[in-house]
Amino acid sequence: MADDLTAKTCVPCRGGIPPMSETEAKVFARQTPSWELAPQAHHISRTFKFDDFKASLDFVNKVGAIAEAEGHHPDIEFGWGYAKIKTYTHKIDGLHENDFILAAKIDKIAAH
C-alpha cells in the first residue's frame, strides 16, 4: 500500500482546512507502519539508525532532496548514528495526506 503513496506527489497546502482526524490518520498510518503516530494525530515520526555520522548525514541529504522536490519539509534531528524525522503540515498544525506521502518516500530511500 505504501507504493500507492510513493506514486503520489505532495500538493501545496495553503491552510484553511482542518488537519486529519485521528481516525483518518490511523488509516494512512497503516500504509507507513514504521512511523509513530503522535497523540491526537498531530504528527508522525520515525528514528533511523546508521553505523556512523557520515551515513546519517548522507541519509539526511537525501531526505532534504526529496523534501525540496515535494515542497513539503519535515523537522530533522540527526547526529552520529541516527536521524529522527518528524513531519506534520505547519499551515494546519496537524497531519495532511502530504505527510504520509513524504514518509512513504523517505521509507523507500531508507530501504536502499
C-alpha atoms as a PDB file:
ATOM      1  CA  MET A   1       0.000   0.000   0.000  1.00  0.00           C
ATOM      2  CA  ALA A   2       2.879   2.380   0.664  1.00  0.00           C
ATOM      3  CA  ASP A   3       3.656   2.081  -3.035  1.00  0.00           C
ATOM      4  CA  ASP A   4       0.397   3.898  -3.665  1.00  0.00           C
ATOM      5  CA  LEU A   5       1.674   6.806  -1.553  1.00  0.00           C
ATOM      6  CA  THR A   6       5.082   6.903  -3.244  1.00  0.00           C
ATOM      7  CA  ALA A   7       3.356   7.312  -6.611  1.00  0.00           C
ATOM      8  CA  LYS A   8       1.641  10.484  -5.380  1.00  0.00           C
ATOM      9  CA  THR A   9       3.024  13.996  -5.222  1.00  0.00           C
ATOM     10  CA  CYS A  10       2.548  16.394  -2.335  1.00  0.00           C
ATOM     11  CA  VAL A  11       0.105  19.187  -3.129  1.00  0.00           C
ATOM     12  CA  PRO A  12       0.600  22.646  -1.647  1.00  0.00           C
ATOM     13  CA  CYS A  13      -1.488  23.185   1.461  1.00  0.00           C
ATOM     14  CA  ARG A  14      -2.464  26.809   1.864  1.00  0.00           C
ATOM     15  CA  GLY A  15      -4.250  26.294   5.158  1.00  0.00           C
ATOM     16  CA  GLY A  16      -7.895  26.960   5.822  1.00  0.00           C
ATOM     17  CA  ILE A  17      -8.667  23.251   6.123  1.00  0.00           C
ATOM     18  CA  PRO A  18      -8.759  21.126   9.255  1.00  0.00           C
ATOM     19  CA  PRO A  19      -5.988  18.633   9.931  1.00  0.00           C
ATOM     20  CA  MET A  20      -6.770  14.933   9.614  1.00  0.00           C
ATOM     21  CA  SER A  21      -8.809  13.410  12.366  1.00  0.00           C
ATOM     22  CA  GLU A  22      -7.193  10.684  14.427  1.00  0.00           C
ATOM     23  CA  THR A  23      -9.387   8.131  12.645  1.00  0.00           C
ATOM     24  CA  GLU A  24      -8.241   9.328   9.199  1.00  0.00           C
ATOM     25  CA  ALA A  25      -4.610   9.407  10.326  1.00  0.00           C
ATOM     26  CA  LYS A  26      -4.807   5.806  11.565  1.00  0.00           C
ATOM     27  CA  VAL A  27      -5.922   4.691   8.089  1.00  0.00           C
ATOM     28  CA  PHE A  28      -2.889   6.374   6.495  1.00  0.00           C
ATOM     29  CA  ALA A  29      -0.616   5.155   9.299  1.00  0.00           C
ATOM     30  CA  ARG A  30      -1.312   1.569   8.220  1.00  0.00           C
ATOM     31  CA  GLN A  31       0.436   2.464   4.950  1.00  0.00           C
ATOM     32  CA  THR A  32       3.526   3.727   6.815  1.00  0.00           C
ATOM     33  CA  PRO A  33       3.770   1.214   9.684  1.00  0.00           C
ATOM     34  CA  SER A  34       7.326   2.125  10.722  1.00  0.00           C
ATOM     35  CA  TRP A  35       6.234   5.653  11.623  1.00  0.00           C
ATOM     36  CA  GLU A  36       4.874   6.541  15.050  1.00  0.00           C
ATOM     37  CA  LEU A  37       1.590   8.417  15.178  1.00  0.00           C
ATOM     38  CA  ALA A  38       1.692  11.092  17.893  1.00  0.00           C
ATOM     39  CA  PRO A  39      -1.145  11.588  20.387  1.00  0.00           C
ATOM     40  CA  GLN A  40      -4.170  13.355  18.910  1.00  0.00           C
ATOM     41  CA  ALA A  41      -2.599  12.576  15.490  1.00  0.00           C
ATOM     42  CA  HIS A  42      -0.601  15.821  15.487  1.00  0.00           C
ATOM     43  CA  HIS A  43       2.439  14.436  13.655  1.00  0.00           C
ATOM     44  CA  ILE A  44       4.267  11.281  12.650  1.00  0.00           C
ATOM     45  CA  SER A  45       7.893  10.474  13.402  1.00  0.00           C
ATOM     46  CA  ARG A  46      10.497   7.826  12.868  1.00  0.00           C
ATOM     47  CA  THR A  47      14.068   7.310  14.017  1.00  0.00           C
ATOM     48  CA  PHE A  48      16.536   5.766  11.586  1.00  0.00           C
ATOM     49  CA  LYS A  49      19.784   4.114  12.779  1.00  0.00           C
ATOM     50  CA  PHE A  50      23.128   4.192  10.965  1.00  0.00           C
ATOM     51  CA  ASP A  51      26.671   2.955  11.510  1.00  0.00           C
ATOM     52  CA  ASP A  52      28.274   6.394  11.741  1.00  0.00           C
ATOM     53  CA  PHE A  53      27.872  10.136  11.279  1.00  0.00           C
ATOM     54  CA  LYS A  54      28.583  10.122   7.533  1.00  0.00           C
ATOM     55  CA  ALA A  55      25.808   7.605   6.867  1.00  0.00           C
ATOM     56  CA  SER A  56      23.386   9.743   8.903  1.00  0.00           C
ATOM     57  CA  LEU A  57      24.407  12.866   7.004  1.00  0.00           C
ATOM     58  CA  ASP A  58      24.099  11.133   3.628  1.00  0.00           C
ATOM     59  CA  PHE A  59      20.590   9.985   4.537  1.00  0.00           C
ATOM     60  CA  VAL A  60      19.571  13.445   5.753  1.00  0.00           C
ATOM     61  CA  ASN A  61      20.811  14.968   2.491  1.00  0.00           C
ATOM     62  CA  LYS A  62      18.667  12.504   0.528  1.00  0.00           C
ATOM     63  CA  VAL A  63      15.657  13.331   2.712  1.00  0.00           C
ATOM     64  CA  GLY A  64      16.326  17.029   2.097  1.00  0.00           C
ATOM     65  CA  ALA A  65      16.342  16.486  -1.664  1.00  0.00           C
ATOM     66  CA  ILE A  66      13.006  14.656  -1.512  1.00  0.00           C
ATOM     67  CA  ALA A  67      11.541  17.339   0.748  1.00  0.00           C
ATOM     68  CA  GLU A  68      12.577  20.072  -1.677  1.00  0.00           C
ATOM     69  CA  ALA A  69      11.212  18.160  -4.664  1.00  0.00           C
ATOM     70  CA  GLU A  70       7.892  17.647  -2.885  1.00  0.00           C
ATOM     71  CA  GLY A  71       7.740  21.153  -1.409  1.00  0.00           C
ATOM     72  CA  HIS A  72       6.997  19.567   1.970  1.00  0.00           C
ATOM     73  CA  HIS A  73       9.606  19.934   4.685  1.00  0.00           C
ATOM     74  CA  PRO A  74       9.963  17.746   7.795  1.00  0.00           C
ATOM     75  CA  ASP A  75      11.741  18.553  11.022  1.00  0.00           C
ATOM     76  CA  ILE A  76      15.043  16.670  11.070  1.00  0.00           C
ATOM     77  CA  GLU A  77      17.323  15.938  14.001  1.00  0.00           C
ATOM     78  CA  PHE A  78      20.462  13.927  13.388  1.00  0.00           C
ATOM     79  CA  GLY A  79      23.849  13.044  14.769  1.00  0.00           C
ATOM     80  CA  TRP A  80      26.271  10.175  15.000  1.00  0.00           C
ATOM     81  CA  GLY A  81      24.380   7.032  14.008  1.00  0.00           C
ATOM     82  CA  TYR A  82      20.836   8.359  13.871  1.00  0.00           C
ATOM     83  CA  ALA A  83      18.354  10.616  12.111  1.00  0.00           C
ATOM     84  CA  LYS A  84      14.948  11.435  13.556  1.00  0.00           C
ATOM     85  CA  ILE A  85      12.318  12.712  11.141  1.00  0.00           C
ATOM     86  CA  LYS A  86       9.103  14.369  12.304  1.00  0.00           C
ATOM     87  CA  THR A  87       6.542  15.589   9.848  1.00  0.00           C
ATOM     88  CA  TYR A  88       3.269  17.458  10.007  1.00  0.00           C
ATOM     89  CA  THR A  89       1.731  20.225   7.947  1.00  0.00           C
ATOM     90  CA  HIS A  90       2.667  23.511   9.573  1.00  0.00           C
ATOM     91  CA  LYS A  91      -0.080  25.530   7.841  1.00  0.00           C
ATOM     92  CA  ILE A  92      -2.787  23.470   9.540  1.00  0.00           C
ATOM     93  CA  ASP A  93      -0.785  22.437  12.626  1.00  0.00           C
ATOM     94  CA  GLY A  94      -1.567  18.781  12.076  1.00  0.00           C
ATOM     95  CA  LEU A  95      -1.497  15.943   9.613  1.00  0.00           C
ATOM     96  CA  HIS A  96      -2.373  16.006   5.915  1.00  0.00           C
ATOM     97  CA  GLU A  97      -2.001  13.299   3.274  1.00  0.00           C
ATOM     98  CA  ASN A  98       1.263  15.024   2.243  1.00  0.00           C
ATOM     99  CA  ASP A  99       2.888  13.905   5.481  1.00  0.00           C
ATOM    100  CA  PHE A 100       2.232  10.258   4.706  1.00  0.00           C
ATOM    101  CA  ILE A 101       3.351  10.678   1.084  1.00  0.00           C
ATOM    102  CA  LEU A 102       6.647  12.112   2.326  1.00  0.00           C
ATOM    103  CA  ALA A 103       7.004   9.371   4.949  1.00  0.00           C
ATOM    104  CA  ALA A 104       6.496   6.648   2.327  1.00  0.00           C
ATOM    105  CA  LYS A 105       9.098   8.253   0.053  1.00  0.00           C
ATOM    106  CA  ILE A 106      11.568   8.502   2.948  1.00  0.00           C
ATOM    107  CA  ASP A 107      10.959   4.822   3.745  1.00  0.00           C
ATOM    108  CA  LYS A 108      11.769   3.981   0.147  1.00  0.00           C
ATOM    109  CA  ILE A 109      15.190   5.663   0.278  1.00  0.00           C
ATOM    110  CA  ALA A 110      15.907   4.138   3.693  1.00  0.00           C
ATOM    111  CA  ALA A 111      15.332   0.688   2.219  1.00  0.00           C
ATOM    112  CA  HIS A 112      18.118   1.199  -0.339  1.00  0.00           C
END
